[in-house]
Amino acid sequence: MLEPDIKLTGLAEAARLIPNGARVHFGGMAVHNHPMAFVRQLLWEGTRDLTVVSHVSANDVDMLIGAGRVRRLEFSYVGLEEFGTAPCFRRAVQDGELELSEYSEPVAFERFACSARGMPFFTTREMFGTDLPSVNPDIREIDDPFGSGRYHAVRAAEPEWVVLHAAAGDRYGNVLFFPHRQLPEDLDLTASRTTRNLIVTVEQIVSHERVRESAYCNLIPRFRTTAIVEVPYGAHPCSCLHVYDQDRKHLAAYAMAARDPEGFRTHLARFVYGVRGHDEYLELIGATTLSRLRHVGGAL
């Protein structure tokens, strides 16, 4: 029997798969499970003119916006939760530097579910009574042909590329999830079904035998995956649910630094351009800090 294709690759090689001008979704939600190591690598690579298709984003998208890499954003929220607003996003919007397409949070979620079902659009009444249709020309009002009234028609998300971060996977691209999932992970699973171009960074590459033993956790099968990369602490400073918490001190420092362009540039100079790869980034953060974030037993 022929061995399946090996999808395991390096972080730089995976990031180079995404071309300038691509339409990309970065997984995770709020300050959880974002593929932050991949975002930093994209900054290293100089990838630009991105259209980011999002729902609830945080410092992942904020950093790309601050570095001038995002042309268009389709979203419901970009912020840092308890650490305040996303400074680069807010500054870019106020300065008119971003093309925006804004939705309510449930509608932003549903756009991905619509893509996963293979549908080009869906209808909703979620946004009636809000100002969103007046500021978003992508929301169209239509009549129900069966006579139930007026609806809004909304396009499916349709990302060209999806980048996720998960707990574990094997070299063939099978990806394992904890059975006690939370909303960010369920949203990631939905997003994984919206594209033929899926990149997954994982905390750990495990043996294929381990995957077979935990088949009920193998929720992204290898045929969906374009590339898989082993990146320990690849979501830092966000959390990787069930494995480690968000680094609150680092996120608070980022929120403060990014309030002005010079502070943001200083942050990038230290944590992105000032290190040669993810391993040096982890050395900069420090083993003591990383170990304190870790959950006991946080592995599949």
Protein backbone atom coordinates (compact mmCIF):
# COMPACT_ATOMS: atom_id res chain seq x y z
CA MET A 1 0.00 0.00 0.00
CA LEU A 2 1.39 3.40 -0.99
CA GLU A 3 2.23 5.85 1.77
CA PRO A 4 -0.04 8.93 1.80
CA ASP A 5 1.45 12.24 0.74
CA ILE A 6 3.54 13.85 3.47
CA LYS A 7 2.16 17.34 4.17
CA LEU A 8 4.63 18.28 6.91
CA THR A 9 6.67 21.37 6.06
CA GLY A 10 8.43 24.34 7.65
CA LEU A 11 6.83 27.59 8.74
CA ALA A 12 8.55 29.70 6.08
CA GLU A 13 7.67 27.25 3.31
CA ALA A 14 4.02 27.22 4.37
CA ALA A 15 3.82 31.01 4.55
CA ARG A 16 5.24 31.31 1.05
CA LEU A 17 2.28 29.38 -0.30
CA ILE A 18 0.08 32.43 0.23
CA PRO A 19 0.54 34.92 -2.62
CA ASN A 20 0.21 38.68 -2.52
CA GLY A 21 -3.41 39.72 -2.92
CA ALA A 22 -4.82 36.48 -1.52
CA ARG A 23 -8.17 36.17 0.23
CA VAL A 24 -7.32 34.64 3.63
CA HIS A 25 -9.03 33.58 6.84
CA PHE A 26 -6.97 33.24 10.03
CA GLY A 27 -8.55 30.86 12.51
CA GLY A 28 -9.30 31.37 16.17
CA MET A 29 -11.66 33.76 17.89
CA ALA A 30 -11.15 36.69 20.27
CA VAL A 31 -7.76 36.03 21.97
CA HIS A 32 -7.82 32.25 21.46
CA ASN A 33 -6.24 29.88 18.93
CA HIS A 34 -5.02 32.39 16.36
CA PRO A 35 -2.08 31.14 14.22
CA MET A 36 0.22 33.88 15.51
CA ALA A 37 3.52 32.26 14.51
CA PHE A 38 2.21 32.06 10.95
CA VAL A 39 1.15 35.73 11.05
CA ARG A 40 4.64 36.75 12.19
CA GLN A 41 6.13 34.66 9.38
CA LEU A 42 3.87 36.41 6.83
CA LEU A 43 5.23 39.71 8.11
CA TRP A 44 8.75 38.35 7.65
CA GLU A 45 7.93 37.25 4.10
CA GLY A 46 6.52 40.66 3.14
CA THR A 47 3.16 39.27 1.97
CA ARG A 48 0.85 42.18 1.14
CA ASP A 49 -2.46 43.37 -0.33
CA LEU A 50 -4.42 40.73 1.57
CA THR A 51 -8.17 40.50 1.83
CA VAL A 52 -8.84 39.12 5.30
CA VAL A 53 -12.16 37.30 5.68
CA SER A 54 -12.87 37.20 9.39
CA HIS A 55 -15.47 37.01 12.12
CA VAL A 56 -13.96 37.87 15.53
CA SER A 57 -10.30 38.80 15.18
CA ALA A 58 -7.64 40.15 17.52
CA ASN A 59 -3.93 40.97 17.39
CA ASP A 60 -3.41 38.60 14.45
CA VAL A 61 -5.27 40.88 12.06
CA ASP A 62 -4.31 44.03 13.98
CA MET A 63 -0.60 43.37 13.39
CA LEU A 64 -1.10 42.75 9.68
CA ILE A 65 -3.13 45.95 9.38
CA GLY A 66 -0.55 47.96 11.32
CA ALA A 67 2.20 46.71 9.02
CA GLY A 68 0.20 47.80 5.96
CA ARG A 69 -0.40 44.27 4.66
CA VAL A 70 -4.23 44.28 4.52
CA ARG A 71 -6.16 45.95 1.69
CA ARG A 72 -9.69 44.78 2.56
CA LEU A 73 -11.29 43.41 5.72
CA GLU A 74 -14.60 41.52 5.97
CA PHE A 75 -15.40 41.21 9.68
CA SER A 76 -17.64 41.73 12.69
CA TYR A 77 -15.03 42.66 15.32
CA VAL A 78 -11.32 43.29 15.74
CA GLY A 79 -10.25 43.86 19.33
CA LEU A 80 -8.21 42.66 22.28
CA GLU A 81 -11.06 41.84 24.67
CA GLU A 82 -10.03 42.83 28.23
CA PHE A 83 -6.97 44.64 26.85
CA GLY A 84 -8.97 47.22 24.92
CA THR A 85 -9.48 48.06 21.28
CA ALA A 86 -7.22 46.89 18.46
CA PRO A 87 -5.13 50.04 18.01
CA CYS A 88 -3.83 49.54 14.47
CA PHE A 89 -7.25 48.53 13.17
CA ARG A 90 -8.89 51.56 14.75
CA ARG A 91 -6.23 53.92 13.43
CA ALA A 92 -6.46 52.51 9.89
CA VAL A 93 -10.27 52.79 9.86
CA GLN A 94 -10.21 56.37 11.14
CA ASP A 95 -7.62 57.28 8.50
CA GLY A 96 -9.61 55.63 5.70
CA GLU A 97 -6.84 53.18 4.85
CA LEU A 98 -8.96 50.00 4.77
CA GLU A 99 -11.71 48.79 2.50
CA LEU A 100 -14.33 47.44 4.93
CA SER A 101 -17.27 45.06 4.77
CA GLU A 102 -18.86 44.84 8.24
CA TYR A 103 -21.42 42.31 9.50
CA SER A 104 -23.01 41.38 12.78
CA GLU A 105 -21.22 38.60 14.65
CA PRO A 106 -23.82 35.83 13.99
CA VAL A 107 -23.92 36.76 10.29
CA ALA A 108 -20.10 36.73 10.11
CA PHE A 109 -20.15 33.20 11.58
CA GLU A 110 -22.87 32.09 9.18
CA ARG A 111 -20.89 33.26 6.14
CA PHE A 112 -18.39 30.46 6.83
CA ALA A 113 -21.10 27.88 7.45
CA CYS A 114 -22.64 28.89 4.12
CA SER A 115 -19.31 28.31 2.35
CA ALA A 116 -18.90 24.96 4.09
CA ARG A 117 -22.32 23.91 2.71
CA GLY A 118 -21.26 24.93 -0.80
CA MET A 119 -23.88 27.68 -1.05
CA PRO A 120 -23.11 31.06 -2.68
CA PHE A 121 -25.28 33.10 -0.30
CA PHE A 122 -27.85 32.89 2.49
CA THR A 123 -30.71 35.00 3.77
CA THR A 124 -31.20 36.50 7.21
CA ARG A 125 -33.25 39.00 9.18
CA GLU A 126 -30.50 39.42 11.76
CA MET A 127 -29.48 42.92 10.64
CA PHE A 128 -32.84 44.62 10.21
CA GLY A 129 -33.06 47.55 12.58
CA THR A 130 -29.29 48.16 12.44
CA ASP A 131 -27.19 50.55 10.37
CA LEU A 132 -25.05 47.76 8.91
CA PRO A 133 -26.96 47.46 5.60
CA SER A 134 -26.60 51.21 5.04
CA VAL A 135 -22.79 51.09 5.35
CA ASN A 136 -22.18 47.70 3.69
CA PRO A 137 -23.21 47.49 0.01
CA ASP A 138 -22.54 43.73 0.08
CA ILE A 139 -25.75 43.28 2.10
CA ARG A 140 -28.69 43.16 -0.32
CA GLU A 141 -32.39 43.33 0.56
CA ILE A 142 -34.64 40.82 -1.24
CA ASP A 143 -38.21 39.48 -1.16
CA ASP A 144 -38.98 35.93 -0.14
CA PRO A 145 -40.54 34.39 -3.30
CA PHE A 146 -42.81 32.35 -1.02
CA GLY A 147 -44.31 35.43 0.57
CA SER A 148 -42.86 35.61 4.10
CA GLY A 149 -41.47 39.13 3.67
CA ARG A 150 -38.15 40.93 3.27
CA TYR A 151 -34.73 39.45 3.98
CA HIS A 152 -31.10 40.41 3.62
CA ALA A 153 -29.02 38.32 1.22
CA VAL A 154 -25.38 37.85 2.29
CA ARG A 155 -22.57 36.25 0.31
CA ALA A 156 -20.70 33.23 1.63
CA ALA A 157 -17.21 33.88 3.03
CA GLU A 158 -15.34 31.97 0.29
CA PRO A 159 -11.74 32.32 1.53
CA GLU A 160 -9.05 31.19 -0.90
CA TRP A 161 -6.76 30.22 1.99
CA VAL A 162 -7.52 29.21 5.57
CA VAL A 163 -4.82 29.09 8.24
CA LEU A 164 -5.62 27.41 11.58
CA HIS A 165 -3.79 26.51 14.78
CA ALA A 166 -4.59 23.26 16.59
CA ALA A 167 -3.22 20.99 19.27
CA ALA A 168 -1.78 18.09 17.29
CA GLY A 169 -1.58 16.35 13.94
CA ASP A 170 0.48 13.87 11.97
CA ARG A 171 2.85 14.37 9.06
CA TYR A 172 0.14 13.42 6.58
CA GLY A 173 -2.05 16.36 7.57
CA ASN A 174 -4.57 14.68 9.86
CA VAL A 175 -5.44 17.15 12.63
CA LEU A 176 -6.58 16.21 16.13
CA PHE A 177 -8.99 18.20 18.30
CA PHE A 178 -9.94 17.72 21.93
CA PRO A 179 -13.38 16.07 22.33
CA HIS A 180 -14.48 18.83 24.77
CA ARG A 181 -14.30 21.61 22.18
CA GLN A 182 -15.13 25.27 22.65
CA LEU A 183 -16.60 27.75 20.18
CA PRO A 184 -13.29 28.89 18.60
CA GLU A 185 -12.46 25.29 17.74
CA ASP A 186 -15.90 24.59 16.29
CA LEU A 187 -15.58 27.73 14.17
CA ASP A 188 -12.18 26.51 12.97
CA LEU A 189 -13.65 23.17 11.95
CA THR A 190 -16.31 24.97 9.94
CA ALA A 191 -13.67 27.19 8.31
CA SER A 192 -11.59 24.12 7.39
CA ARG A 193 -14.42 23.02 5.07
CA THR A 194 -14.59 26.31 3.14
CA THR A 195 -11.47 26.00 0.98
CA ARG A 196 -9.17 23.64 -0.90
CA ASN A 197 -6.15 25.52 0.48
CA LEU A 198 -5.82 24.72 4.19
CA ILE A 199 -2.68 25.30 6.26
CA VAL A 200 -2.61 24.08 9.86
CA THR A 201 0.04 24.84 12.45
CA VAL A 202 0.03 22.47 15.43
CA GLU A 203 1.59 22.33 18.84
CA GLN A 204 2.91 18.84 18.22
CA ILE A 205 3.36 16.36 15.39
CA VAL A 206 2.37 12.90 16.62
CA SER A 207 2.69 9.50 15.01
CA HIS A 208 0.07 8.23 12.58
CA GLU A 209 -0.50 5.35 14.99
CA ARG A 210 -1.51 7.91 17.61
CA VAL A 211 -4.01 9.37 15.17
CA ARG A 212 -5.48 5.94 14.47
CA GLU A 213 -5.79 5.27 18.20
CA SER A 214 -7.62 8.59 18.64
CA ALA A 215 -9.69 8.46 15.46
CA TYR A 216 -12.62 10.18 17.18
CA CYS A 217 -10.38 13.27 17.61
CA ASN A 218 -9.27 13.33 13.95
CA LEU A 219 -11.72 15.99 12.82
CA ILE A 220 -9.69 17.39 9.92
CA PRO A 221 -8.71 14.46 7.69
CA ARG A 222 -5.56 14.59 5.62
CA PHE A 223 -7.32 15.08 2.27
CA ARG A 224 -8.41 18.56 3.40
CA THR A 225 -4.93 19.74 4.38
CA THR A 226 -2.46 21.45 2.06
CA ALA A 227 0.34 21.80 4.62
CA ILE A 228 0.89 21.09 8.30
CA VAL A 229 3.62 22.69 10.43
CA GLU A 230 4.83 21.85 13.94
CA VAL A 231 4.98 25.13 15.87
CA PRO A 232 5.05 24.79 19.69
CA TYR A 233 3.36 27.79 21.31
CA GLY A 234 2.30 28.78 17.82
CA ALA A 235 -0.69 30.76 19.12
CA HIS A 236 1.31 32.86 21.62
CA PRO A 237 0.46 35.41 22.95
CA CYS A 238 -3.08 34.11 22.39
CA SER A 239 -4.16 30.93 24.11
CA CYS A 240 -4.27 27.48 22.60
CA LEU A 241 -7.39 26.16 24.28
CA HIS A 242 -6.81 23.20 26.65
CA VAL A 243 -3.02 23.55 26.23
CA TYR A 244 -2.00 27.02 27.50
CA ASP A 245 -3.54 30.33 28.48
CA GLN A 246 -3.16 33.67 26.75
CA ASP A 247 -0.15 35.71 27.86
CA ARG A 248 -2.00 38.60 29.48
CA LYS A 249 1.14 40.58 30.24
CA HIS A 250 2.29 40.39 26.62
CA LEU A 251 -1.14 41.30 25.24
CA ALA A 252 -1.41 44.26 27.59
CA ALA A 253 2.04 45.45 26.52
CA TYR A 254 1.07 45.09 22.86
CA ALA A 255 -2.14 47.08 23.39
CA MET A 256 -0.13 49.86 24.99
CA ALA A 257 2.70 49.86 22.43
CA ALA A 258 0.43 49.81 19.38
CA ARG A 259 -1.46 52.93 20.45
CA ASP A 260 0.87 54.99 18.29
CA PRO A 261 2.71 54.06 15.07
CA GLU A 262 6.18 54.43 16.59
CA GLY A 263 5.32 52.14 19.49
CA PHE A 264 3.95 49.58 17.04
CA ARG A 265 7.11 49.72 14.94
CA THR A 266 9.16 49.19 18.09
CA HIS A 267 7.06 46.13 18.94
CA LEU A 268 7.58 44.65 15.46
CA ALA A 269 11.29 45.40 15.59
CA ARG A 270 11.63 43.42 18.80
CA PHE A 271 9.20 40.52 18.41
CA VAL A 272 9.02 40.00 14.63
CA TYR A 273 11.95 41.43 12.69
CA GLY A 274 14.36 41.22 15.61
CA VAL A 275 14.29 37.42 15.82
CA ARG A 276 15.37 34.79 13.31
CA GLY A 277 12.41 32.47 13.33
CA HIS A 278 9.96 31.08 15.82
CA ASP A 279 12.53 29.37 18.05
CA GLU A 280 14.27 32.69 18.73
CA TYR A 281 10.87 34.27 19.39
CA LEU A 282 10.20 31.66 22.10
CA GLU A 283 13.64 32.30 23.60
CA LEU A 284 12.79 35.99 23.74
CA ILE A 285 9.52 35.30 25.54
CA GLY A 286 11.33 33.00 27.97
CA ALA A 287 10.85 29.45 29.20
CA THR A 288 9.60 30.61 32.61
CA THR A 289 6.80 32.67 31.10
CA LEU A 290 5.79 29.91 28.69
CA SER A 291 5.78 27.22 31.37
CA ARG A 292 3.52 29.29 33.61
CA LEU A 293 0.95 29.51 30.81
CA ARG A 294 0.88 25.77 30.29
CA HIS A 295 -2.05 23.65 31.40
CA VAL A 296 -1.19 20.47 33.32
CA GLY A 297 -2.12 17.54 31.09
CA GLY A 298 -2.77 19.79 28.12
CA ALA A 299 -1.97 17.31 25.37
CA LEU A 300 -3.85 14.75 23.30
